[in-house]
C-alpha atoms as a PDB file:
ATOM      1  CA  MET A   1       4.301 -14.755  19.238  1.00  0.00           C
ATOM      2  CA  ARG A   2       2.584 -15.832  16.547  1.00  0.00           C
ATOM      3  CA  ALA A   3       0.599 -13.362  15.353  1.00  0.00           C
ATOM      4  CA  LEU A   4      -1.875 -13.331  12.560  1.00  0.00           C
ATOM      5  CA  PHE A   5      -4.225 -10.513  10.324  1.00  0.00           C
ATOM      6  CA  LEU A   6      -6.744 -10.748   8.878  1.00  0.00           C
ATOM      7  CA  SER A   7      -6.302  -8.788   5.678  1.00  0.00           C
ATOM      8  CA  PRO A   8      -9.675  -8.293   2.835  1.00  0.00           C
ATOM      9  CA  GLY A   9      -9.543  -5.777   0.222  1.00  0.00           C
ATOM     10  CA  ASP A  10      -7.477  -4.960  -2.823  1.00  0.00           C
ATOM     11  CA  ALA A  11      -2.901  -4.667  -3.511  1.00  0.00           C
ATOM     12  CA  VAL A  12      -3.959  -1.026  -2.170  1.00  0.00           C
ATOM     13  CA  ARG A  13      -5.131  -1.813   1.277  1.00  0.00           C
ATOM     14  CA  GLN A  14      -3.330  -4.361   1.360  1.00  0.00           C
ATOM     15  CA  LEU A  15       0.100  -2.386   0.590  1.00  0.00           C
ATOM     16  CA  GLN A  16      -1.276   0.308   3.838  1.00  0.00           C
ATOM     17  CA  ALA A  17      -0.973  -2.597   6.455  1.00  0.00           C
ATOM     18  CA  LEU A  18       2.408  -3.446   5.183  1.00  0.00           C
ATOM     19  CA  PRO A  19       3.873  -0.767   8.176  1.00  0.00           C
ATOM     20  CA  ALA A  20       1.542  -2.035  10.573  1.00  0.00           C
ATOM     21  CA  VAL A  21       2.722  -5.261   9.916  1.00  0.00           C
ATOM     22  CA  ALA A  22       6.073  -4.544  10.325  1.00  0.00           C
ATOM     23  CA  ALA A  23       5.879  -3.060  13.544  1.00  0.00           C
ATOM     24  CA  VAL A  24       3.640  -5.670  15.063  1.00  0.00           C
ATOM     25  CA  ALA A  25       6.475  -8.313  13.753  1.00  0.00           C
ATOM     26  CA  GLU A  26       9.556  -6.348  15.436  1.00  0.00           C
ATOM     27  CA  GLN A  27       7.879  -4.789  18.354  1.00  0.00           C
ATOM     28  CA  LEU A  28       6.330  -8.350  19.441  1.00  0.00           C
ATOM     29  CA  LYS A  29       8.810 -10.571  17.824  1.00  0.00           C
ATOM     30  CA  ALA A  30       5.623 -12.169  16.286  1.00  0.00           C
ATOM     31  CA  GLN A  31       5.889 -15.062  13.453  1.00  0.00           C
ATOM     32  CA  VAL A  32       3.452 -12.900  11.288  1.00  0.00           C
ATOM     33  CA  GLN A  33       1.410 -15.039   8.948  1.00  0.00           C
ATOM     34  CA  VAL A  34      -1.919 -13.249   6.601  1.00  0.00           C
ATOM     35  CA  ALA A  35      -4.867 -13.792   5.004  1.00  0.00           C
ATOM     36  CA  CYS A  36      -5.356 -12.212   1.741  1.00  0.00           C
ATOM     37  CA  ALA A  37      -7.608 -12.144  -1.197  1.00  0.00           C
ATOM     38  CA  PRO A  38      -5.375 -14.650  -3.541  1.00  0.00           C
ATOM     39  CA  ALA A  39      -5.127 -11.741  -5.988  1.00  0.00           C
ATOM     40  CA  ALA A  40      -3.309  -9.789  -3.510  1.00  0.00           C
ATOM     41  CA  ALA A  41      -1.037 -12.039  -2.115  1.00  0.00           C
ATOM     42  CA  ALA A  42       2.383 -10.494  -4.092  1.00  0.00           C
ATOM     43  CA  CYS A  43       2.384  -7.641  -2.078  1.00  0.00           C
ATOM     44  CA  TRP A  44       3.134  -9.666   0.709  1.00  0.00           C
ATOM     45  CA  GLY A  45       6.266 -10.791  -0.576  1.00  0.00           C
ATOM     46  CA  LEU A  46       7.720  -7.429  -0.102  1.00  0.00           C
ATOM     47  CA  LEU A  47       8.398  -7.704   3.577  1.00  0.00           C
ATOM     48  CA  PRO A  48      10.383  -9.982   4.870  1.00  0.00           C
ATOM     49  CA  ALA A  49       9.027 -10.693   8.229  1.00  0.00           C
ATOM     50  CA  VAL A  50       5.336 -12.028   7.503  1.00  0.00           C
ATOM     51  CA  GLU A  51       6.565 -16.152   6.966  1.00  0.00           C
ATOM     52  CA  LYS A  52       3.184 -17.246   5.379  1.00  0.00           C
ATOM     53  CA  VAL A  53       0.657 -15.955   3.071  1.00  0.00           C
ATOM     54  CA  ILE A  54      -2.693 -17.497   3.455  1.00  0.00           C
ATOM     55  CA  PRO A  55      -5.102 -16.709   0.412  1.00  0.00           C
ATOM     56  CA  PHE A  56      -8.806 -16.192   1.349  1.00  0.00           C
ATOM     57  CA  ASP A  57     -11.401 -14.029  -0.790  1.00  0.00           C
ATOM     58  CA  PHE A  58     -13.129 -12.632   2.125  1.00  0.00           C
ATOM     59  CA  ALA A  59     -15.724 -11.373  -0.419  1.00  0.00           C
ATOM     60  CA  ALA A  60     -17.133 -14.624  -2.071  1.00  0.00           C
ATOM     61  CA  ALA A  61     -15.916 -17.372   0.815  1.00  0.00           C
ATOM     62  CA  THR A  62     -18.196 -19.917   1.201  1.00  0.00           C
ATOM     63  CA  LEU A  63     -18.973 -22.261   4.667  1.00  0.00           C
ATOM     64  CA  ALA A  64     -16.460 -24.877   3.398  1.00  0.00           C
ATOM     65  CA  ASP A  65     -14.227 -22.288   2.434  1.00  0.00           C
ATOM     66  CA  TRP A  66     -14.643 -20.215   6.165  1.00  0.00           C
ATOM     67  CA  ALA A  67     -13.881 -24.557   7.919  1.00  0.00           C
ATOM     68  CA  ASN A  68     -10.754 -24.479   5.933  1.00  0.00           C
ATOM     69  CA  LEU A  69      -9.421 -20.695   7.077  1.00  0.00           C
ATOM     70  CA  LEU A  70     -10.236 -22.350  10.547  1.00  0.00           C
ATOM     71  CA  GLY A  71      -8.705 -25.373  10.005  1.00  0.00           C
ATOM     72  CA  SER A  72      -5.491 -23.159   9.277  1.00  0.00           C
ATOM     73  CA  VAL A  73      -5.209 -20.400  11.561  1.00  0.00           C
ATOM     74  CA  ARG A  74      -6.449 -23.049  14.660  1.00  0.00           C
ATOM     75  CA  GLU A  75      -2.938 -25.186  13.363  1.00  0.00           C
ATOM     76  CA  PRO A  76       0.027 -23.376  13.942  1.00  0.00           C
ATOM     77  CA  ASP A  77      -0.989 -22.072  17.811  1.00  0.00           C
ATOM     78  CA  PHE A  78      -1.367 -18.189  17.418  1.00  0.00           C
ATOM     79  CA  GLN A  79      -1.963 -16.534  20.106  1.00  0.00           C
ATOM     80  CA  LEU A  80      -2.895 -13.010  17.960  1.00  0.00           C
ATOM     81  CA  CYS A  81      -4.928 -11.566  15.885  1.00  0.00           C
ATOM     82  CA  ILE A  82      -5.437  -8.714  14.247  1.00  0.00           C
ATOM     83  CA  ASN A  83      -8.473  -8.272  12.090  1.00  0.00           C
ATOM     84  CA  LEU A  84      -9.207  -6.048   9.244  1.00  0.00           C
ATOM     85  CA  ALA A  85     -12.703  -7.816   8.425  1.00  0.00           C
ATOM     86  CA  GLU A  86     -16.149  -7.537   9.707  1.00  0.00           C
ATOM     87  CA  GLY A  87     -19.376  -9.534   9.672  1.00  0.00           C
ATOM     88  CA  ARG A  88     -20.580 -12.842  11.211  1.00  0.00           C
ATOM     89  CA  GLN A  89     -18.520 -15.675   9.284  1.00  0.00           C
ATOM     90  CA  VAL A  90     -15.231 -14.184  10.678  1.00  0.00           C
ATOM     91  CA  ASP A  91     -16.792 -13.776  14.098  1.00  0.00           C
ATOM     92  CA  LEU A  92     -17.690 -18.137  13.922  1.00  0.00           C
ATOM     93  CA  MET A  93     -14.843 -18.693  12.972  1.00  0.00           C
ATOM     94  CA  LEU A  94     -12.512 -16.322  15.494  1.00  0.00           C
ATOM     95  CA  SER A  95     -14.865 -17.319  18.153  1.00  0.00           C
ATOM     96  CA  MET A  96     -13.977 -21.271  17.126  1.00  0.00           C
ATOM     97  CA  SER A  97      -9.700 -20.734  17.358  1.00  0.00           C
ATOM     98  CA  HIS A  98      -8.685 -20.317  20.257  1.00  0.00           C
ATOM     99  CA  ILE A  99      -6.450 -17.671  19.598  1.00  0.00           C
ATOM    100  CA  PRO A 100      -6.446 -15.252  23.117  1.00  0.00           C
ATOM    101  CA  THR A 101      -6.030 -11.632  21.888  1.00  0.00           C
ATOM    102  CA  ARG A 102      -8.738 -11.143  18.816  1.00  0.00           C
ATOM    103  CA  VAL A 103      -8.547  -7.396  17.709  1.00  0.00           C
ATOM    104  CA  ALA A 104     -11.100  -5.444  15.668  1.00  0.00           C
ATOM    105  CA  ARG A 105     -13.480  -2.563  14.974  1.00  0.00           C
ATOM    106  CA  GLY A 106     -16.056  -4.551  16.493  1.00  0.00           C
ATOM    107  CA  GLY A 107     -17.852  -7.855  16.416  1.00  0.00           C
ATOM    108  CA  PHE A 108     -18.856 -10.522  19.070  1.00  0.00           C
ATOM    109  CA  SER A 109     -15.906 -12.425  18.263  1.00  0.00           C
ATOM    110  CA  ALA A 110     -13.236  -9.253  19.432  1.00  0.00           C
ATOM    111  CA  THR A 111     -11.269  -9.250  23.459  1.00  0.00           C
ATOM    112  CA  ASP A 112     -10.151  -5.715  22.090  1.00  0.00           C
ATOM    113  CA  THR A 113     -12.723  -3.351  19.870  1.00  0.00           C
ATOM    114  CA  VAL A 114     -11.053  -0.644  18.616  1.00  0.00           C
ATOM    115  CA  THR A 115     -12.284   2.770  16.100  1.00  0.00           C
ATOM    116  CA  PRO A 116      -9.462   4.007  14.004  1.00  0.00           C
ATOM    117  CA  PRO A 117      -9.802   7.999  12.765  1.00  0.00           C
ATOM    118  CA  ALA A 118     -12.194   8.349  10.127  1.00  0.00           C
ATOM    119  CA  ALA A 119      -9.586  10.672   8.312  1.00  0.00           C
ATOM    120  CA  GLY A 120      -5.877  11.252   7.446  1.00  0.00           C
ATOM    121  CA  TRP A 121      -3.797   8.437   5.648  1.00  0.00           C
ATOM    122  CA  PRO A 122      -5.247   4.897   5.842  1.00  0.00           C
ATOM    123  CA  ALA A 123      -1.687   3.283   6.516  1.00  0.00           C
ATOM    124  CA  GLN A 124      -1.431   5.716   9.866  1.00  0.00           C
ATOM    125  CA  ALA A 125      -4.963   4.652  10.899  1.00  0.00           C
ATOM    126  CA  LEU A 126      -4.277   1.123  11.911  1.00  0.00           C
ATOM    127  CA  GLU A 127      -2.390   2.400  14.927  1.00  0.00           C
ATOM    128  CA  ALA A 128      -5.650   1.824  16.476  1.00  0.00           C
ATOM    129  CA  TYR A 129      -6.126  -1.679  15.906  1.00  0.00           C
ATOM    130  CA  LEU A 130      -1.684  -1.713  17.709  1.00  0.00           C
ATOM    131  CA  LYS A 131      -2.577   0.430  20.667  1.00  0.00           C
ATOM    132  CA  PRO A 132      -4.121  -2.525  22.759  1.00  0.00           C
ATOM    133  CA  ILE A 133      -1.351  -4.769  22.450  1.00  0.00           C
ATOM    134  CA  GLY A 134       0.965  -2.013  23.078  1.00  0.00           C
ATOM    135  CA  VAL A 135       3.098  -1.414  20.054  1.00  0.00           C
ATOM    136  CA  SER A 136       3.425   2.382  17.753  1.00  0.00           C
ATOM    137  CA  LEU A 137       3.515   3.246  15.061  1.00  0.00           C
ATOM    138  CA  SER A 138       4.884   5.765  12.496  1.00  0.00           C
ATOM    139  CA  ALA A 139       3.923   4.496   9.511  1.00  0.00           C
ATOM    140  CA  ALA A 140       5.767   6.840   7.165  1.00  0.00           C
ATOM    141  CA  GLU A 141       9.003   6.236   8.439  1.00  0.00           C
ATOM    142  CA  PHE A 142       8.333   2.728   7.307  1.00  0.00           C
ATOM    143  CA  ARG A 143      10.279   2.399   3.765  1.00  0.00           C
ATOM    144  CA  LEU A 144      10.230  -1.015   1.532  1.00  0.00           C
ATOM    145  CA  ALA A 145      14.070  -2.301   1.672  1.00  0.00           C
ATOM    146  CA  LEU A 146      14.484  -4.590  -1.896  1.00  0.00           C
ATOM    147  CA  PRO A 147      17.654  -6.629  -2.405  1.00  0.00           C
ATOM    148  CA  ARG A 148      20.055  -5.101  -4.941  1.00  0.00           C
ATOM    149  CA  SER A 149      20.203  -7.481  -7.812  1.00  0.00           C
ATOM    150  CA  GLU A 150      16.537  -6.445  -8.416  1.00  0.00           C
ATOM    151  CA  LEU A 151      17.543  -2.678  -7.684  1.00  0.00           C
ATOM    152  CA  ASP A 152      19.742  -3.069 -10.132  1.00  0.00           C
ATOM    153  CA  LYS A 153      17.408  -5.236 -12.950  1.00  0.00           C
ATOM    154  CA  ALA A 154      14.580  -2.929 -12.604  1.00  0.00           C
ATOM    155  CA  ALA A 155      16.972  -0.065 -13.806  1.00  0.00           C
ATOM    156  CA  ALA A 156      18.374  -1.445 -16.679  1.00  0.00           C
ATOM    157  CA  THR A 157      15.212  -1.337 -18.198  1.00  0.00           C
ATOM    158  CA  LEU A 158      14.810   2.923 -17.256  1.00  0.00           C
ATOM    159  CA  PRO A 159      15.797   5.686 -19.787  1.00  0.00           C
ATOM    160  CA  ALA A 160      19.836   5.915 -18.829  1.00  0.00           C
ATOM    161  CA  GLY A 161      21.660   9.103 -17.831  1.00  0.00           C
ATOM    162  CA  GLU A 162      22.976  11.237 -15.451  1.00  0.00           C
ATOM    163  CA  GLY A 163      19.604  13.634 -15.051  1.00  0.00           C
ATOM    164  CA  PRO A 164      17.066  13.514 -13.215  1.00  0.00           C
ATOM    165  CA  LEU A 165      14.380  11.041 -13.405  1.00  0.00           C
ATOM    166  CA  LEU A 166      10.669  11.431 -13.669  1.00  0.00           C
ATOM    167  CA  LEU A 167       7.742   9.089 -13.327  1.00  0.00           C
ATOM    168  CA  LEU A 168       4.605   8.658 -14.289  1.00  0.00           C
ATOM    169  CA  ALA A 169       2.061   6.543 -13.467  1.00  0.00           C
ATOM    170  CA  PRO A 170      -1.898   7.203 -15.041  1.00  0.00           C
ATOM    171  CA  ARG A 171      -4.775   5.332 -13.948  1.00  0.00           C
ATOM    172  CA  GLY A 172      -5.311   5.597 -17.269  1.00  0.00           C
ATOM    173  CA  ASP A 173      -9.358   5.490 -16.781  1.00  0.00           C
ATOM    174  CA  ARG A 174     -11.968   7.816 -18.859  1.00  0.00           C
ATOM    175  CA  ASP A 175     -11.636   9.342 -15.126  1.00  0.00           C
ATOM    176  CA  ASP A 176      -8.405  10.387 -15.363  1.00  0.00           C
ATOM    177  CA  TRP A 177      -5.846  13.194 -15.933  1.00  0.00           C
ATOM    178  CA  PRO A 178      -5.871  13.289 -19.991  1.00  0.00           C
ATOM    179  CA  ALA A 179      -3.527  11.583 -21.216  1.00  0.00           C
ATOM    180  CA  GLN A 180      -2.427  14.101 -23.946  1.00  0.00           C
ATOM    181  CA  CYS A 181      -1.976  16.096 -21.133  1.00  0.00           C
ATOM    182  CA  TRP A 182       0.534  12.951 -19.717  1.00  0.00           C
ATOM    183  CA  ARG A 183       2.276  12.367 -22.695  1.00  0.00           C
ATOM    184  CA  GLN A 184       2.550  16.425 -22.994  1.00  0.00           C
ATOM    185  CA  LEU A 185       4.224  17.248 -19.301  1.00  0.00           C
ATOM    186  CA  PRO A 186       7.710  15.858 -19.743  1.00  0.00           C
ATOM    187  CA  GLY A 187       8.356  17.953 -23.069  1.00  0.00           C
ATOM    188  CA  THR A 188       7.041  20.351 -20.545  1.00  0.00           C
ATOM    189  CA  ILE A 189       9.628  20.392 -17.818  1.00  0.00           C
ATOM    190  CA  ALA A 190      12.958  19.451 -19.887  1.00  0.00           C
ATOM    191  CA  SER A 191      12.378  22.766 -21.673  1.00  0.00           C
ATOM    192  CA  ARG A 192      13.704  23.809 -18.382  1.00  0.00           C
ATOM    193  CA  LEU A 193      15.373  21.295 -17.468  1.00  0.00           C
ATOM    194  CA  PRO A 194      17.234  19.777 -20.239  1.00  0.00           C
ATOM    195  CA  ASN A 195      19.005  16.979 -18.741  1.00  0.00           C
ATOM    196  CA  LEU A 196      15.517  15.469 -17.144  1.00  0.00           C
ATOM    197  CA  ARG A 197      14.728  11.823 -18.083  1.00  0.00           C
ATOM    198  CA  HIS A 198      11.232  10.420 -18.145  1.00  0.00           C
ATOM    199  CA  GLN A 199       9.179   7.163 -18.610  1.00  0.00           C
ATOM    200  CA  LEU A 200       5.807   6.809 -18.435  1.00  0.00           C
ATOM    201  CA  LEU A 201       5.017   3.533 -16.793  1.00  0.00           C
ATOM    202  CA  PRO A 202       1.956   1.815 -17.867  1.00  0.00           C
ATOM    203  CA  ALA A 203      -0.285  -0.116 -16.328  1.00  0.00           C
ATOM    204  CA  ALA A 204       1.093  -3.526 -13.865  1.00  0.00           C
ATOM    205  CA  ALA A 205      -1.088  -6.323 -11.949  1.00  0.00           C
ATOM    206  CA  ALA A 206      -0.910  -6.219  -8.671  1.00  0.00           C
ATOM    207  CA  SER A 207       1.228 -10.541  -8.894  1.00  0.00           C
ATOM    208  CA  ALA A 208       4.079  -7.435 -10.872  1.00  0.00           C
ATOM    209  CA  VAL A 209       3.924  -5.878  -7.811  1.00  0.00           C
ATOM    210  CA  ARG A 210       7.791  -6.354  -6.456  1.00  0.00           C
ATOM    211  CA  ARG A 211       8.515  -5.516 -10.120  1.00  0.00           C
ATOM    212  CA  ARG A 212       6.772  -2.078 -10.214  1.00  0.00           C
ATOM    213  CA  ALA A 213       8.746  -0.773  -6.527  1.00  0.00           C
ATOM    214  CA  ALA A 214      12.008  -1.584  -7.896  1.00  0.00           C
ATOM    215  CA  GLN A 215      11.281   1.173 -10.402  1.00  0.00           C
ATOM    216  CA  LEU A 216      10.021   3.538  -8.602  1.00  0.00           C
ATOM    217  CA  ALA A 217      12.872   2.603  -6.238  1.00  0.00           C
ATOM    218  CA  ALA A 218      14.781   5.075  -9.019  1.00  0.00           C
ATOM    219  CA  ALA A 219      12.700   7.569  -9.333  1.00  0.00           C
ATOM    220  CA  ASP A 220      13.647  11.239  -7.671  1.00  0.00           C
ATOM    221  CA  VAL A 221      10.483  12.088  -8.524  1.00  0.00           C
ATOM    222  CA  VAL A 222       6.991   9.843  -8.998  1.00  0.00           C
ATOM    223  CA  LEU A 223       3.815  11.849 -10.418  1.00  0.00           C
ATOM    224  CA  ALA A 224       0.827   9.259 -10.258  1.00  0.00           C
ATOM    225  CA  SER A 225      -2.805   8.910 -10.825  1.00  0.00           C
ATOM    226  CA  GLU A 226      -2.576   4.972 -10.264  1.00  0.00           C
ATOM    227  CA  PRO A 227      -3.684   4.303  -6.425  1.00  0.00           C
ATOM    228  CA  LEU A 228      -0.691   1.012  -6.100  1.00  0.00           C
ATOM    229  CA  VAL A 229       2.100   3.426  -7.131  1.00  0.00           C
ATOM    230  CA  ILE A 230       0.662   6.058  -4.596  1.00  0.00           C
ATOM    231  CA  GLU A 231       1.283   4.055  -2.046  1.00  0.00           C
ATOM    232  CA  LEU A 232       4.395   2.217  -3.204  1.00  0.00           C
ATOM    233  CA  ALA A 233       6.197   5.158  -3.486  1.00  0.00           C
ATOM    234  CA  LEU A 234       4.859   6.366  -0.413  1.00  0.00           C
ATOM    235  CA  LEU A 235       5.856   3.558   0.694  1.00  0.00           C
ATOM    236  CA  LEU A 236       9.738   3.789  -0.939  1.00  0.00           C
ATOM    237  CA  GLY A 237      10.292   7.295   0.342  1.00  0.00           C
ATOM    238  CA  ILE A 238      10.428   8.431  -3.160  1.00  0.00           C
ATOM    239  CA  PRO A 239       9.105  11.949  -3.581  1.00  0.00           C
ATOM    240  CA  LEU A 240       5.930  11.998  -5.367  1.00  0.00           C
ATOM    241  CA  VAL A 241       2.751  14.276  -6.540  1.00  0.00           C
ATOM    242  CA  ALA A 242      -1.134  12.341  -6.170  1.00  0.00           C
ATOM    243  CA  LEU A 243      -3.526  13.059  -8.738  1.00  0.00           C
ATOM    244  CA  GLY A 244      -6.611  12.568  -7.058  1.00  0.00           C
ATOM    245  CA  ARG A 245      -5.869  12.533  -3.734  1.00  0.00           C
ATOM    246  CA  ARG A 246      -6.362  15.092  -1.209  1.00  0.00           C
ATOM    247  CA  GLU A 247      -3.596  16.274   0.810  1.00  0.00           C
ATOM    248  CA  ASP A 248      -5.378  14.712   4.525  1.00  0.00           C
ATOM    249  CA  THR A 249      -5.016  11.137   2.604  1.00  0.00           C
ATOM    250  CA  LEU A 250      -1.589  11.495   2.968  1.00  0.00           C
ATOM    251  CA  PRO A 251       1.385  11.069   4.984  1.00  0.00           C
ATOM    252  CA  GLN A 252       2.372  14.597   6.604  1.00  0.00           C
ATOM    253  CA  ARG A 253       6.112  15.097   5.134  1.00  0.00           C
ATOM    254  CA  GLN A 254       8.324  17.092   2.608  1.00  0.00           C
ATOM    255  CA  GLY A 255       7.912  15.991  -0.610  1.00  0.00           C
ATOM    256  CA  VAL A 256       4.469  14.157  -0.662  1.00  0.00           C
ATOM    257  CA  LYS A 257       1.748  16.618  -2.212  1.00  0.00           C
ATOM    258  CA  GLY A 258      -1.748  15.849  -3.033  1.00  0.00           C
ATOM    259  CA  LEU A 259      -4.039  17.752  -6.310  1.00  0.00           C
ATOM    260  CA  ALA A 260      -6.827  17.405  -7.103  1.00  0.00           C
ATOM    261  CA  GLU A 261      -9.510  16.188  -6.231  1.00  0.00           C
ATOM    262  CA  PRO A 262     -10.812  12.152  -8.334  1.00  0.00           C
ATOM    263  CA  SER A 263     -14.000  13.746  -9.761  1.00  0.00           C
ATOM    264  CA  ALA A 264     -12.164  16.980 -10.428  1.00  0.00           C
ATOM    265  CA  LEU A 265      -8.845  15.097 -13.150  1.00  0.00           C
ATOM    266  CA  ALA A 266     -10.009  15.577 -16.114  1.00  0.00           C
ATOM    267  CA  THR A 267      -9.581  19.698 -15.933  1.00  0.00           C
ATOM    268  CA  LEU A 268      -6.913  19.218 -14.338  1.00  0.00           C
ATOM    269  CA  ASP A 269      -4.552  22.589 -15.449  1.00  0.00           C
ATOM    270  CA  PRO A 270      -1.101  21.533 -16.109  1.00  0.00           C
ATOM    271  CA  ALA A 271       0.022  24.314 -14.834  1.00  0.00           C
ATOM    272  CA  GLN A 272      -0.756  23.585 -11.240  1.00  0.00           C
ATOM    273  CA  VAL A 273       1.088  20.104 -11.734  1.00  0.00           C
ATOM    274  CA  LEU A 274       3.864  22.020 -12.799  1.00  0.00           C
ATOM    275  CA  SER A 275       3.907  24.027  -9.746  1.00  0.00           C
ATOM    276  CA  ALA A 276       3.730  21.189  -7.824  1.00  0.00           C
ATOM    277  CA  LEU A 277       6.315  19.919  -8.847  1.00  0.00           C
ATOM    278  CA  GLY A 278       8.513  22.504  -8.183  1.00  0.00           C
ATOM    279  CA  PHE A 279       8.430  24.443 -11.935  1.00  0.00           C
ATOM    280  CA  ALA A 280       5.912  26.747 -11.695  1.00  0.00           C
END
């Protein structure tokens, strides 16, 4: 079987779709292609099950772009399309694609319509799109797998030592937890855990997502407000404190905590962060 995912949105949304795509590839023994924005395409390099990424900017596509996409999706003879996009243009394209099974939230091209839950971890919410085709999804059990060579290369750039490694990934905008708090936190923890290793990760482009994933895989715990890092840590199974994320938008599993509303980060008490990290 050949399956097509139409996946608009930024790199965070692509990462949230990885478990669903992996489930389709595994349970249906499907060859999968994904259409997504060029700037986010590197995310799909993390999933070997994806045989091809079709660069497509859903937000700025012209009629010519839609025609080219139609040509791309008609040639491989897809049997299934999971459509995460919306709008008349995508419906017109899919209605002419000859793909027999087309699952979407709505639209006249859909053969099966779904209603994803309004709350919860977005990665698990995509199960709604898989139920009509008999595929189950446990996004919290999905794990990214990276080659040992990449893990070793990334580990060599991190602080040496035998102590636990804390990686900090601030979002860095004006509404983030203050920069001074990010800088002071490791010293406060080290007064209680002298062999602590830590590193403050600079912002990284979506094109560097594979390298960032390899860095995170070496961590013992991640403290982040950066959305891309939060999703990577979840997919890697790394213990995580996610600043500016509500608990109900994260998987409910041990080692994952959300702390503070996004609008409250600027006044977040460092004591609350220490407590969430287990240093109350």
